[in-house]
Amino acid sequence: GQWVLSQSFMSIGEGKLFAPGNLRATKDNKGYEELFNYWYDNQYQLRYTGGMVPDVNQIMVKGKGVFVNAESKAAKAKLRLLYEVAPIGYVIEKAGGKSSDGEQSVLNIEVVGTEDR
C-alpha cells in the first residue's frame, strides 16, 4: 500500500461556508443568534455535523469558511482549551486562518487546568 495525494491544500481564506457549533446557545445568546441569522440570510453554505474536527476539516479542504462554537448561560461550552480548541486553533492559524475567543487568538489564552473551556 501507498499513500496517494488526492488533493493539495494551500491556505484558508474568507468564504461563505459556516459550521456553527452549540446551536442551543442561540436561544439565550442574542449575539450568536444574530450571527447565525446573518449567515443564513446571506445564503452561506451550512456545514453541521455536530463535531468540530469534521467541520474544521471541511473548511480546510474547501480552503474557506468559519467554525463557531459559542456558549450561553444555558448551553455551556464543551470544547476544552488544551485538547481541542488550542490544537485546532494552531493548525488553522498556520494555514492562514484566524482563531479567536472573541477578544484574542485562542493561542494566547493561558491554560490553567486540563478542563479549561
Protein backbone atom coordinates (compact mmCIF):
# COMPACT_ATOMS: atom_id res chain seq x y z
CA GLY A 1 0.00 0.00 0.00
CA GLN A 2 0.98 3.55 -0.71
CA TRP A 3 -0.33 6.93 0.31
CA VAL A 4 -1.71 8.85 -2.64
CA LEU A 5 -2.08 12.63 -2.56
CA SER A 6 -5.62 13.24 -3.73
CA GLN A 7 -5.85 16.96 -3.06
CA SER A 8 -3.40 19.68 -2.17
CA PHE A 9 -4.16 22.32 0.44
CA MET A 10 -2.75 25.81 0.44
CA SER A 11 -4.49 28.16 2.88
CA ILE A 12 -7.77 29.19 4.47
CA GLY A 13 -9.50 32.34 3.29
CA GLU A 14 -12.85 34.01 3.61
CA GLY A 15 -15.79 32.18 2.18
CA LYS A 16 -19.49 31.54 2.54
CA LEU A 17 -19.28 28.24 4.41
CA PHE A 18 -20.19 28.15 8.09
CA ALA A 19 -20.11 25.42 10.69
CA PRO A 20 -21.96 26.53 13.82
CA GLY A 21 -21.30 24.55 16.97
CA ASN A 22 -23.52 24.52 20.06
CA LEU A 23 -26.62 25.82 18.29
CA ARG A 24 -28.57 25.57 21.59
CA ALA A 25 -26.73 28.74 22.61
CA THR A 26 -28.73 30.76 20.06
CA LYS A 27 -31.71 30.52 22.43
CA ASP A 28 -30.21 32.83 25.06
CA ASN A 29 -27.14 34.35 23.37
CA LYS A 30 -28.54 37.20 21.28
CA GLY A 31 -25.25 37.93 19.52
CA TYR A 32 -24.85 34.32 18.40
CA GLU A 33 -28.46 34.21 17.20
CA GLU A 34 -27.88 37.38 15.14
CA LEU A 35 -24.66 35.95 13.68
CA PHE A 36 -26.37 32.68 12.75
CA ASN A 37 -29.25 34.58 11.13
CA TYR A 38 -26.78 36.73 9.17
CA TRP A 39 -25.12 33.64 7.72
CA TYR A 40 -28.48 32.07 6.95
CA ASP A 41 -30.00 35.22 5.42
CA ASN A 42 -26.90 35.76 3.25
CA GLN A 43 -27.05 32.20 1.92
CA TYR A 44 -23.88 30.87 3.47
CA GLN A 45 -23.49 27.14 2.97
CA LEU A 46 -24.24 25.28 6.19
CA ARG A 47 -21.83 22.58 7.34
CA TYR A 48 -23.05 20.97 10.54
CA THR A 49 -22.08 17.53 11.76
CA GLY A 50 -22.13 18.25 15.47
CA GLY A 51 -18.38 17.62 15.59
CA MET A 52 -15.58 20.17 15.49
CA VAL A 53 -12.98 18.00 13.73
CA PRO A 54 -15.07 17.03 10.68
CA ASP A 55 -16.41 20.58 10.34
CA VAL A 56 -12.94 22.17 10.54
CA ASN A 57 -11.58 19.51 8.19
CA GLN A 58 -14.21 20.50 5.62
CA ILE A 59 -13.24 24.17 5.98
CA MET A 60 -9.62 23.22 5.37
CA VAL A 61 -10.47 21.04 2.36
CA LYS A 62 -12.58 23.84 0.86
CA GLY A 63 -9.96 26.44 1.85
CA LYS A 64 -12.58 28.81 3.24
CA GLY A 65 -15.20 29.20 5.90
CA VAL A 66 -15.84 29.77 9.57
CA PHE A 67 -16.35 27.45 12.56
CA VAL A 68 -18.01 28.92 15.63
CA ASN A 69 -18.66 27.33 19.00
CA ALA A 70 -20.37 29.96 21.13
CA GLU A 71 -21.76 29.41 24.60
CA SER A 72 -24.54 30.84 26.72
CA LYS A 73 -25.80 30.57 30.29
CA ALA A 74 -27.98 27.59 29.38
CA ALA A 75 -25.63 25.98 26.81
CA LYS A 76 -22.09 25.90 28.22
CA ALA A 77 -19.02 25.24 26.08
CA LYS A 78 -17.99 21.61 25.68
CA LEU A 79 -14.70 22.03 23.85
CA ARG A 80 -11.64 22.01 26.10
CA LEU A 81 -8.91 24.57 25.51
CA LEU A 82 -5.94 22.23 25.99
CA TYR A 83 -7.16 19.25 23.96
CA GLU A 84 -9.46 20.67 21.28
CA VAL A 85 -9.53 24.45 20.95
CA ALA A 86 -5.81 25.31 21.07
CA PRO A 87 -4.57 22.46 18.82
CA ILE A 88 -7.16 23.19 16.14
CA GLY A 89 -6.52 26.93 16.54
CA TYR A 90 -2.83 26.28 15.94
CA VAL A 91 -3.49 24.32 12.74
CA ILE A 92 -5.95 26.94 11.49
CA GLU A 93 -3.56 29.84 12.17
CA LYS A 94 -0.66 28.01 10.48
CA ALA A 95 -2.95 27.60 7.45
CA GLY A 96 -3.53 31.35 7.29
CA GLY A 97 -6.86 31.41 9.12
CA LYS A 98 -7.76 33.08 12.39
CA SER A 99 -8.77 31.74 15.79
CA SER A 100 -10.45 33.79 18.50
CA ASP A 101 -12.27 33.65 21.79
CA GLY A 102 -13.96 36.90 20.80
CA GLU A 103 -11.13 39.05 22.12
CA GLN A 104 -7.83 37.38 21.25
CA SER A 105 -6.26 34.41 19.49
CA VAL A 106 -7.05 31.17 21.31
CA LEU A 107 -3.29 30.56 21.28
CA ASN A 108 -2.84 33.49 23.69
CA ILE A 109 -5.14 32.04 26.36
CA GLU A 110 -3.25 30.72 29.37
CA VAL A 111 -4.11 27.12 30.23
CA VAL A 112 -4.70 26.87 33.97
CA GLY A 113 -6.24 23.42 34.18
CA THR A 114 -6.86 20.44 31.90
CA GLU A 115 -10.63 21.06 31.88
CA ASP A 116 -10.49 24.78 30.94
CA ARG A 117 -13.12 25.66 28.36
